[in-house]
């Protein structure tokens, strides 16, 4: 089992970050409101850490490692590729 904290470059804790074991999609979790997570992992696993708007990182672990801290870097390269589309209708009620 490993625990950890995920932050941005300014030291802010990041909520909703996905942490998964590489090549094992069923072993995954997300960070809580304090940027913390707990995940059961095999020995010498590689963690894939991702959040929209940040560069995905792969972090190798060692067999006896119990805690990690990761700083995610903002991904500014794809900002021009975001398209927001909305559909819907609304009826005025009186």
PDB file of N, CA and C in Angstrom:
ATOM      1  N   UNK A   1       0.854  -1.180   0.000  1.00  0.00           N
ATOM      2  CA  UNK A   1       0.000   0.000   0.000  1.00  0.00           C
ATOM      3  C   UNK A   1       0.897   1.239   0.000  1.00  0.00           C
ATOM      4  N   UNK A   2       0.456   2.245  -0.735  1.00  0.00           N
ATOM      5  CA  UNK A   2       1.200   3.492  -0.774  1.00  0.00           C
ATOM      6  C   UNK A   2       0.233   4.653  -0.564  1.00  0.00           C
ATOM      7  N   UNK A   3       0.703   5.683   0.121  1.00  0.00           N
ATOM      8  CA  UNK A   3      -0.067   6.901   0.316  1.00  0.00           C
ATOM      9  C   UNK A   3       0.723   8.042  -0.297  1.00  0.00           C
ATOM     10  N   UNK A   4       0.046   9.149  -0.557  1.00  0.00           N
ATOM     11  CA  UNK A   4       0.775  10.262  -1.129  1.00  0.00           C
ATOM     12  C   UNK A   4      -0.039  11.527  -1.204  1.00  0.00           C
ATOM     13  N   UNK A   5       0.637  12.587  -1.660  1.00  0.00           N
ATOM     14  CA  UNK A   5       0.039  13.909  -1.840  1.00  0.00           C
ATOM     15  C   UNK A   5       0.406  14.413  -3.221  1.00  0.00           C
ATOM     16  N   UNK A   6      -0.576  15.004  -3.906  1.00  0.00           N
ATOM     17  CA  UNK A   6      -0.352  15.587  -5.226  1.00  0.00           C
ATOM     18  C   UNK A   6      -0.617  17.084  -5.137  1.00  0.00           C
ATOM     19  N   UNK A   7       0.348  17.875  -5.607  1.00  0.00           N
ATOM     20  CA  UNK A   7       0.228  19.337  -5.578  1.00  0.00           C
ATOM     21  C   UNK A   7       0.567  19.921  -6.946  1.00  0.00           C
ATOM     22  N   UNK A   8       0.184  21.203  -7.129  1.00  0.00           N
ATOM     23  CA  UNK A   8       0.609  21.920  -8.327  1.00  0.00           C
ATOM     24  C   UNK A   8       1.920  22.649  -8.025  1.00  0.00           C
ATOM     25  N   UNK A   9       2.417  23.390  -8.996  1.00  0.00           N
ATOM     26  CA  UNK A   9       3.711  24.061  -8.837  1.00  0.00           C
ATOM     27  C   UNK A   9       3.707  25.142  -7.767  1.00  0.00           C
ATOM     28  N   UNK A  10       2.531  25.655  -7.407  1.00  0.00           N
ATOM     29  CA  UNK A  10       2.432  26.677  -6.370  1.00  0.00           C
ATOM     30  C   UNK A  10       2.266  26.069  -4.982  1.00  0.00           C
ATOM     31  N   UNK A  11       2.249  24.747  -4.888  1.00  0.00           N
ATOM     32  CA  UNK A  11       2.098  24.089  -3.598  1.00  0.00           C
ATOM     33  C   UNK A  11       0.664  23.866  -3.171  1.00  0.00           C
ATOM     34  N   UNK A  12      -0.285  24.097  -4.077  1.00  0.00           N
ATOM     35  CA  UNK A  12      -1.692  23.858  -3.769  1.00  0.00           C
ATOM     36  C   UNK A  12      -2.018  22.380  -3.926  1.00  0.00           C
ATOM     37  N   UNK A  13      -2.741  21.807  -2.979  1.00  0.00           N
ATOM     38  CA  UNK A  13      -3.165  20.419  -3.075  1.00  0.00           C
ATOM     39  C   UNK A  13      -4.191  20.288  -4.188  1.00  0.00           C
ATOM     40  N   UNK A  14      -4.080  19.213  -4.988  1.00  0.00           N
ATOM     41  CA  UNK A  14      -4.974  19.015  -6.124  1.00  0.00           C
ATOM     42  C   UNK A  14      -5.981  17.905  -5.830  1.00  0.00           C
ATOM     43  N   UNK A  15      -7.264  18.234  -5.956  1.00  0.00           N
ATOM     44  CA  UNK A  15      -8.346  17.280  -5.749  1.00  0.00           C
ATOM     45  C   UNK A  15      -8.722  16.648  -7.084  1.00  0.00           C
ATOM     46  N   UNK A  16      -9.099  15.369  -7.075  1.00  0.00           N
ATOM     47  CA  UNK A  16      -9.604  14.710  -8.278  1.00  0.00           C
ATOM     48  C   UNK A  16      -8.533  14.207  -9.228  1.00  0.00           C
ATOM     49  N   UNK A  17      -7.284  14.152  -8.781  1.00  0.00           N
ATOM     50  CA  UNK A  17      -6.203  13.618  -9.603  1.00  0.00           C
ATOM     51  C   UNK A  17      -6.352  12.095  -9.648  1.00  0.00           C
ATOM     52  N   UNK A  18      -6.212  11.514 -10.834  1.00  0.00           N
ATOM     53  CA  UNK A  18      -6.291  10.065 -10.987  1.00  0.00           C
ATOM     54  C   UNK A  18      -4.909   9.451 -10.813  1.00  0.00           C
ATOM     55  N   UNK A  19      -4.825   8.455  -9.944  1.00  0.00           N
ATOM     56  CA  UNK A  19      -3.590   7.712  -9.727  1.00  0.00           C
ATOM     57  C   UNK A  19      -3.900   6.258 -10.046  1.00  0.00           C
ATOM     58  N   UNK A  20      -3.177   5.674 -11.001  1.00  0.00           N
ATOM     59  CA  UNK A  20      -3.407   4.283 -11.369  1.00  0.00           C
ATOM     60  C   UNK A  20      -2.081   3.558 -11.502  1.00  0.00           C
ATOM     61  N   UNK A  21      -2.142   2.233 -11.415  1.00  0.00           N
ATOM     62  CA  UNK A  21      -0.964   1.403 -11.619  1.00  0.00           C
ATOM     63  C   UNK A  21      -0.859   1.152 -13.122  1.00  0.00           C
ATOM     64  N   UNK A  22       0.298   1.440 -13.697  1.00  0.00           N
ATOM     65  CA  UNK A  22       0.505   1.283 -15.134  1.00  0.00           C
ATOM     66  C   UNK A  22       0.194  -0.145 -15.561  1.00  0.00           C
ATOM     67  N   UNK A  23      -0.564  -0.279 -16.644  1.00  0.00           N
ATOM     68  CA  UNK A  23      -0.966  -1.562 -17.227  1.00  0.00           C
ATOM     69  C   UNK A  23      -1.916  -2.358 -16.339  1.00  0.00           C
ATOM     70  N   UNK A  24      -2.499  -1.722 -15.326  1.00  0.00           N
ATOM     71  CA  UNK A  24      -3.488  -2.379 -14.465  1.00  0.00           C
ATOM     72  C   UNK A  24      -4.605  -1.381 -14.179  1.00  0.00           C
ATOM     73  N   UNK A  25      -5.475  -1.160 -15.145  1.00  0.00           N
ATOM     74  CA  UNK A  25      -6.492  -0.115 -15.048  1.00  0.00           C
ATOM     75  C   UNK A  25      -7.462  -0.296 -13.879  1.00  0.00           C
ATOM     76  N   UNK A  26      -7.583  -1.508 -13.344  1.00  0.00           N
ATOM     77  CA  UNK A  26      -8.498  -1.730 -12.225  1.00  0.00           C
ATOM     78  C   UNK A  26      -7.916  -1.268 -10.896  1.00  0.00           C
ATOM     79  N   UNK A  27      -6.626  -0.994 -10.860  1.00  0.00           N
ATOM     80  CA  UNK A  27      -5.989  -0.485  -9.634  1.00  0.00           C
ATOM     81  C   UNK A  27      -5.817   1.013  -9.787  1.00  0.00           C
ATOM     82  N   UNK A  28      -6.810   1.747  -9.298  1.00  0.00           N
ATOM     83  CA  UNK A  28      -6.774   3.199  -9.443  1.00  0.00           C
ATOM     84  C   UNK A  28      -7.560   3.860  -8.318  1.00  0.00           C
ATOM     85  N   UNK A  29      -7.264   5.140  -8.112  1.00  0.00           N
ATOM     86  CA  UNK A  29      -7.976   5.931  -7.116  1.00  0.00           C
ATOM     87  C   UNK A  29      -7.856   7.392  -7.519  1.00  0.00           C
ATOM     88  N   UNK A  30      -8.487   8.277  -6.753  1.00  0.00           N
ATOM     89  CA  UNK A  30      -8.363   9.718  -6.972  1.00  0.00           C
ATOM     90  C   UNK A  30      -8.008  10.396  -5.667  1.00  0.00           C
ATOM     91  N   UNK A  31      -7.450  11.591  -5.766  1.00  0.00           N
ATOM     92  CA  UNK A  31      -7.095  12.345  -4.566  1.00  0.00           C
ATOM     93  C   UNK A  31      -8.331  12.972  -3.930  1.00  0.00           C
ATOM     94  N   UNK A  32      -8.265  13.146  -2.626  1.00  0.00           N
ATOM     95  CA  UNK A  32      -9.355  13.780  -1.891  1.00  0.00           C
ATOM     96  C   UNK A  32      -9.180  15.309  -1.909  1.00  0.00           C
ATOM     97  N   UNK A  33      -9.978  16.016  -1.121  1.00  0.00           N
ATOM     98  CA  UNK A  33      -9.931  17.483  -1.105  1.00  0.00           C
ATOM     99  C   UNK A  33      -8.598  18.026  -0.604  1.00  0.00           C
ATOM    100  N   UNK A  34      -7.829  17.193   0.094  1.00  0.00           N
ATOM    101  CA  UNK A  34      -6.516  17.611   0.594  1.00  0.00           C
ATOM    102  C   UNK A  34      -5.375  17.153  -0.303  1.00  0.00           C
ATOM    103  N   UNK A  35      -5.711  16.622  -1.490  1.00  0.00           N
ATOM    104  CA  UNK A  35      -4.693  16.158  -2.418  1.00  0.00           C
ATOM    105  C   UNK A  35      -4.056  14.846  -2.014  1.00  0.00           C
ATOM    106  N   UNK A  36      -4.675  14.110  -1.070  1.00  0.00           N
ATOM    107  CA  UNK A  36      -4.117  12.847  -0.561  1.00  0.00           C
ATOM    108  C   UNK A  36      -4.797  11.651  -1.204  1.00  0.00           C
ATOM    109  N   UNK A  37      -4.049  10.540  -1.269  1.00  0.00           N
ATOM    110  CA  UNK A  37      -4.609   9.297  -1.793  1.00  0.00           C
ATOM    111  C   UNK A  37      -3.979   8.107  -1.080  1.00  0.00           C
ATOM    112  N   UNK A  38      -4.665   6.971  -1.172  1.00  0.00           N
ATOM    113  CA  UNK A  38      -4.172   5.687  -0.674  1.00  0.00           C
ATOM    114  C   UNK A  38      -4.481   4.669  -1.763  1.00  0.00           C
ATOM    115  N   UNK A  39      -3.485   3.829  -2.110  1.00  0.00           N
ATOM    116  CA  UNK A  39      -3.677   2.853  -3.173  1.00  0.00           C
ATOM    117  C   UNK A  39      -2.891   1.585  -2.875  1.00  0.00           C
ATOM    118  N   UNK A  40      -3.542   0.463  -3.047  1.00  0.00           N
ATOM    119  CA  UNK A  40      -2.886  -0.840  -2.906  1.00  0.00           C
ATOM    120  C   UNK A  40      -2.141  -1.118  -4.206  1.00  0.00           C
ATOM    121  N   UNK A  41      -0.824  -1.330  -4.114  1.00  0.00           N
ATOM    122  CA  UNK A  41      -0.012  -1.540  -5.313  1.00  0.00           C
ATOM    123  C   UNK A  41       0.902  -2.753  -5.140  1.00  0.00           C
ATOM    124  N   UNK A  42       1.293  -3.377  -6.259  1.00  0.00           N
ATOM    125  CA  UNK A  42       2.285  -4.451  -6.180  1.00  0.00           C
ATOM    126  C   UNK A  42       3.682  -3.860  -5.987  1.00  0.00           C
ATOM    127  N   UNK A  43       4.646  -4.687  -5.639  1.00  0.00           N
ATOM    128  CA  UNK A  43       6.035  -4.226  -5.488  1.00  0.00           C
ATOM    129  C   UNK A  43       6.568  -3.683  -6.802  1.00  0.00           C
ATOM    130  N   UNK A  44       7.350  -2.623  -6.716  1.00  0.00           N
ATOM    131  CA  UNK A  44       8.015  -2.014  -7.870  1.00  0.00           C
ATOM    132  C   UNK A  44       7.052  -1.636  -8.986  1.00  0.00           C
ATOM    133  N   UNK A  45       5.921  -1.070  -8.623  1.00  0.00           N
ATOM    134  CA  UNK A  45       4.924  -0.631  -9.604  1.00  0.00           C
ATOM    135  C   UNK A  45       5.280   0.759 -10.121  1.00  0.00           C
ATOM    136  N   UNK A  46       4.728   1.084 -11.281  1.00  0.00           N
ATOM    137  CA  UNK A  46       4.830   2.442 -11.821  1.00  0.00           C
ATOM    138  C   UNK A  46       3.456   3.073 -11.724  1.00  0.00           C
ATOM    139  N   UNK A  47       3.380   4.235 -11.077  1.00  0.00           N
ATOM    140  CA  UNK A  47       2.112   4.953 -10.944  1.00  0.00           C
ATOM    141  C   UNK A  47       1.960   5.940 -12.089  1.00  0.00           C
ATOM    142  N   UNK A  48       0.756   6.000 -12.665  1.00  0.00           N
ATOM    143  CA  UNK A  48       0.435   6.977 -13.691  1.00  0.00           C
ATOM    144  C   UNK A  48      -0.467   8.009 -13.032  1.00  0.00           C
ATOM    145  N   UNK A  49      -0.018   9.264 -13.031  1.00  0.00           N
ATOM    146  CA  UNK A  49      -0.720  10.337 -12.326  1.00  0.00           C
ATOM    147  C   UNK A  49      -1.186  11.355 -13.354  1.00  0.00           C
ATOM    148  N   UNK A  50      -2.522  11.599 -13.400  1.00  0.00           N
ATOM    149  CA  UNK A  50      -3.050  12.482 -14.439  1.00  0.00           C
ATOM    150  C   UNK A  50      -4.212  13.327 -13.936  1.00  0.00           C
ATOM    151  N   UNK A  51      -4.308  14.509 -14.528  1.00  0.00           N
ATOM    152  CA  UNK A  51      -5.400  15.443 -14.275  1.00  0.00           C
ATOM    153  C   UNK A  51      -5.505  16.339 -15.492  1.00  0.00           C
ATOM    154  N   UNK A  52      -6.719  16.608 -15.947  1.00  0.00           N
ATOM    155  CA  UNK A  52      -6.929  17.472 -17.105  1.00  0.00           C
ATOM    156  C   UNK A  52      -6.265  18.818 -16.859  1.00  0.00           C
ATOM    157  N   UNK A  53      -5.492  19.278 -17.849  1.00  0.00           N
ATOM    158  CA  UNK A  53      -4.813  20.557 -17.731  1.00  0.00           C
ATOM    159  C   UNK A  53      -3.404  20.457 -17.187  1.00  0.00           C
ATOM    160  N   UNK A  54      -2.979  19.243 -16.829  1.00  0.00           N
ATOM    161  CA  UNK A  54      -1.641  19.015 -16.305  1.00  0.00           C
ATOM    162  C   UNK A  54      -0.953  17.915 -17.101  1.00  0.00           C
ATOM    163  N   UNK A  55       0.370  17.938 -17.119  1.00  0.00           N
ATOM    164  CA  UNK A  55       1.152  16.919 -17.802  1.00  0.00           C
ATOM    165  C   UNK A  55       1.069  15.613 -17.011  1.00  0.00           C
ATOM    166  N   UNK A  56       0.707  14.513 -17.686  1.00  0.00           N
ATOM    167  CA  UNK A  56       0.649  13.203 -17.045  1.00  0.00           C
ATOM    168  C   UNK A  56       2.056  12.747 -16.688  1.00  0.00           C
ATOM    169  N   UNK A  57       2.199  12.196 -15.486  1.00  0.00           N
ATOM    170  CA  UNK A  57       3.512  11.737 -15.027  1.00  0.00           C
ATOM    171  C   UNK A  57       3.466  10.248 -14.706  1.00  0.00           C
ATOM    172  N   UNK A  58       4.581   9.566 -14.971  1.00  0.00           N
ATOM    173  CA  UNK A  58       4.759   8.180 -14.557  1.00  0.00           C
ATOM    174  C   UNK A  58       5.828   8.174 -13.470  1.00  0.00           C
ATOM    175  N   UNK A  59       5.469   7.626 -12.318  1.00  0.00           N
ATOM    176  CA  UNK A  59       6.364   7.640 -11.162  1.00  0.00           C
ATOM    177  C   UNK A  59       6.643   6.200 -10.721  1.00  0.00           C
ATOM    178  N   UNK A  60       7.895   5.737 -10.871  1.00  0.00           N
ATOM    179  CA  UNK A  60       8.224   4.384 -10.403  1.00  0.00           C
ATOM    180  C   UNK A  60       8.312   4.343  -8.876  1.00  0.00           C
ATOM    181  N   UNK A  61       7.922   3.218  -8.294  1.00  0.00           N
ATOM    182  CA  UNK A  61       8.016   3.030  -6.851  1.00  0.00           C
ATOM    183  C   UNK A  61       8.933   1.845  -6.564  1.00  0.00           C
ATOM    184  N   UNK A  62       9.440   1.799  -5.348  1.00  0.00           N
ATOM    185  CA  UNK A  62      10.260   0.670  -4.928  1.00  0.00           C
ATOM    186  C   UNK A  62       9.444  -0.216  -3.992  1.00  0.00           C
ATOM    187  N   UNK A  63       9.897  -1.423  -3.768  1.00  0.00           N
ATOM    188  CA  UNK A  63       9.152  -2.391  -2.967  1.00  0.00           C
ATOM    189  C   UNK A  63       8.833  -1.941  -1.563  1.00  0.00           C
ATOM    190  N   UNK A  64       9.709  -1.151  -0.941  1.00  0.00           N
ATOM    191  CA  UNK A  64       9.488  -0.747   0.450  1.00  0.00           C
ATOM    192  C   UNK A  64       8.971   0.683   0.595  1.00  0.00           C
ATOM    193  N   UNK A  65       8.672   1.337  -0.519  1.00  0.00           N
ATOM    194  CA  UNK A  65       8.207   2.728  -0.472  1.00  0.00           C
ATOM    195  C   UNK A  65       6.767   2.786   0.026  1.00  0.00           C
ATOM    196  N   UNK A  66       6.522   3.661   1.003  1.00  0.00           N
ATOM    197  CA  UNK A  66       5.198   3.768   1.623  1.00  0.00           C
ATOM    198  C   UNK A  66       4.490   5.091   1.318  1.00  0.00           C
ATOM    199  N   UNK A  67       5.255   6.125   0.932  1.00  0.00           N
ATOM    200  CA  UNK A  67       4.656   7.437   0.702  1.00  0.00           C
ATOM    201  C   UNK A  67       5.400   8.176  -0.399  1.00  0.00           C
ATOM    202  N   UNK A  68       4.640   8.944  -1.194  1.00  0.00           N
ATOM    203  CA  UNK A  68       5.243   9.771  -2.235  1.00  0.00           C
ATOM    204  C   UNK A  68       4.581  11.147  -2.250  1.00  0.00           C
ATOM    205  N   UNK A  69       5.300  12.111  -2.767  1.00  0.00           N
ATOM    206  CA  UNK A  69       4.762  13.450  -3.027  1.00  0.00           C
ATOM    207  C   UNK A  69       5.095  13.778  -4.474  1.00  0.00           C
ATOM    208  N   UNK A  70       4.093  14.258  -5.206  1.00  0.00           N
ATOM    209  CA  UNK A  70       4.276  14.552  -6.622  1.00  0.00           C
ATOM    210  C   UNK A  70       3.787  15.962  -6.900  1.00  0.00           C
ATOM    211  N   UNK A  71       4.548  16.690  -7.717  1.00  0.00           N
ATOM    212  CA  UNK A  71       4.152  18.025  -8.163  1.00  0.00           C
ATOM    213  C   UNK A  71       3.803  17.926  -9.640  1.00  0.00           C
ATOM    214  N   UNK A  72       2.551  18.254  -9.984  1.00  0.00           N
ATOM    215  CA  UNK A  72       2.125  18.245 -11.381  1.00  0.00           C
ATOM    216  C   UNK A  72       2.389  19.605 -12.014  1.00  0.00           C
ATOM    217  N   UNK A  73       2.802  19.572 -13.273  1.00  0.00           N
ATOM    218  CA  UNK A  73       3.111  20.779 -14.029  1.00  0.00           C
ATOM    219  C   UNK A  73       1.957  21.052 -14.987  1.00  0.00           C
ATOM    220  N   UNK A  74       1.526  22.308 -15.071  1.00  0.00           N
ATOM    221  CA  UNK A  74       0.442  22.664 -15.982  1.00  0.00           C
ATOM    222  C   UNK A  74       0.822  22.373 -17.419  1.00  0.00           C
ATOM    223  N   UNK A  75      -0.139  21.861 -18.194  1.00  0.00           N
ATOM    224  CA  UNK A  75       0.062  21.572 -19.615  1.00  0.00           C
ATOM    225  C   UNK A  75      -0.558  22.704 -20.414  1.00  0.00           C
ATOM    226  N   UNK A  76       0.268  23.636 -20.821  1.00  0.00           N
ATOM    227  CA  UNK A  76      -0.223  24.798 -21.557  1.00  0.00           C
ATOM    228  C   UNK A  76      -0.241  24.567 -23.062  1.00  0.00           C
ATOM    229  N   UNK A  77       0.327  23.460 -23.543  1.00  0.00           N
ATOM    230  CA  UNK A  77       0.423  23.220 -24.978  1.00  0.00           C
ATOM    231  C   UNK A  77      -0.922  22.928 -25.623  1.00  0.00           C
ATOM    232  N   UNK A  78      -1.840  22.277 -24.922  1.00  0.00           N
ATOM    233  CA  UNK A  78      -3.109  21.891 -25.525  1.00  0.00           C
ATOM    234  C   UNK A  78      -4.238  22.869 -25.292  1.00  0.00           C
ATOM    235  N   UNK A  79      -3.948  24.035 -24.752  1.00  0.00           N
ATOM    236  CA  UNK A  79      -5.012  24.973 -24.391  1.00  0.00           C
ATOM    237  C   UNK A  79      -5.788  25.479 -25.607  1.00  0.00           C
ATOM    238  N   UNK A  80      -5.155  25.550 -26.792  1.00  0.00           N
ATOM    239  CA  UNK A  80      -5.846  26.004 -27.994  1.00  0.00           C
ATOM    240  C   UNK A  80      -6.746  24.931 -28.579  1.00  0.00           C
ATOM    241  N   UNK A  81      -6.657  23.704 -28.094  1.00  0.00           N
ATOM    242  CA  UNK A  81      -7.409  22.598 -28.652  1.00  0.00           C
ATOM    243  C   UNK A  81      -8.723  22.346 -27.929  1.00  0.00           C
ATOM    244  N   UNK A  82      -9.035  23.098 -26.908  1.00  0.00           N
ATOM    245  CA  UNK A  82     -10.247  22.868 -26.130  1.00  0.00           C
ATOM    246  C   UNK A  82     -11.434  23.524 -26.822  1.00  0.00           C
ATOM    247  N   UNK A  83     -12.496  22.736 -27.027  1.00  0.00           N
ATOM    248  CA  UNK A  83     -13.725  23.236 -27.634  1.00  0.00           C
ATOM    249  C   UNK A  83     -14.872  22.868 -26.704  1.00  0.00           C
ATOM    250  N   UNK A  84     -15.665  23.845 -26.322  1.00  0.00           N
ATOM    251  CA  UNK A  84     -16.815  23.593 -25.456  1.00  0.00           C
ATOM    252  C   UNK A  84     -18.070  23.733 -26.291  1.00  0.00           C
ATOM    253  N   UNK A  85     -18.907  22.698 -26.255  1.00  0.00           N
ATOM    254  CA  UNK A  85     -20.143  22.697 -27.029  1.00  0.00           C
ATOM    255  C   UNK A  85     -21.289  22.467 -26.047  1.00  0.00           C
ATOM    256  N   UNK A  86     -22.333  23.270 -26.163  1.00  0.00           N
ATOM    257  CA  UNK A  86     -23.481  23.103 -25.283  1.00  0.00           C
ATOM    258  C   UNK A  86     -24.768  22.996 -26.081  1.00  0.00           C
ATOM    259  N   UNK A  87     -25.648  22.126 -25.637  1.00  0.00           N
ATOM    260  CA  UNK A  87     -26.942  21.956 -26.260  1.00  0.00           C
ATOM    261  C   UNK A  87     -27.990  21.979 -25.173  1.00  0.00           C
ATOM    262  N   UNK A  88     -29.174  22.451 -25.530  1.00  0.00           N
ATOM    263  CA  UNK A  88     -30.247  22.400 -24.552  1.00  0.00           C
ATOM    264  C   UNK A  88     -31.331  23.424 -24.857  1.00  0.00           C
ATOM    265  N   UNK A  89     -32.451  23.197 -24.237  1.00  0.00           N
ATOM    266  CA  UNK A  89     -33.562  24.136 -24.353  1.00  0.00           C
ATOM    267  C   UNK A  89     -34.096  24.392 -22.960  1.00  0.00           C
ATOM    268  N   UNK A  90     -34.745  25.503 -22.834  1.00  0.00           N
ATOM    269  CA  UNK A  90     -35.315  25.852 -21.546  1.00  0.00           C
ATOM    270  C   UNK A  90     -36.667  26.480 -21.784  1.00  0.00           C
ATOM    271  N   UNK A  91     -37.665  26.058 -21.023  1.00  0.00           N
ATOM    272  CA  UNK A  91     -39.013  26.578 -21.167  1.00  0.00           C
ATOM    273  C   UNK A  91     -39.290  27.550 -20.017  1.00  0.00           C
ATOM    274  N   UNK A  92     -39.773  28.703 -20.363  1.00  0.00           N
ATOM    275  CA  UNK A  92     -40.100  29.695 -19.345  1.00  0.00           C
ATOM    276  C   UNK A  92     -41.409  29.300 -18.661  1.00  0.00           C
ATOM    277  N   UNK A  93     -41.367  29.229 -17.353  1.00  0.00           N
ATOM    278  CA  UNK A  93     -42.570  28.894 -16.592  1.00  0.00           C
ATOM    279  C   UNK A  93     -43.103  30.145 -15.918  1.00  0.00           C
ATOM    280  N   UNK A  94     -44.419  30.247 -15.920  1.00  0.00           N
ATOM    281  CA  UNK A  94     -45.039  31.419 -15.294  1.00  0.00           C
ATOM    282  C   UNK A  94     -45.936  31.017 -14.166  1.00  0.00           C
TER     283      UNK A  94
END
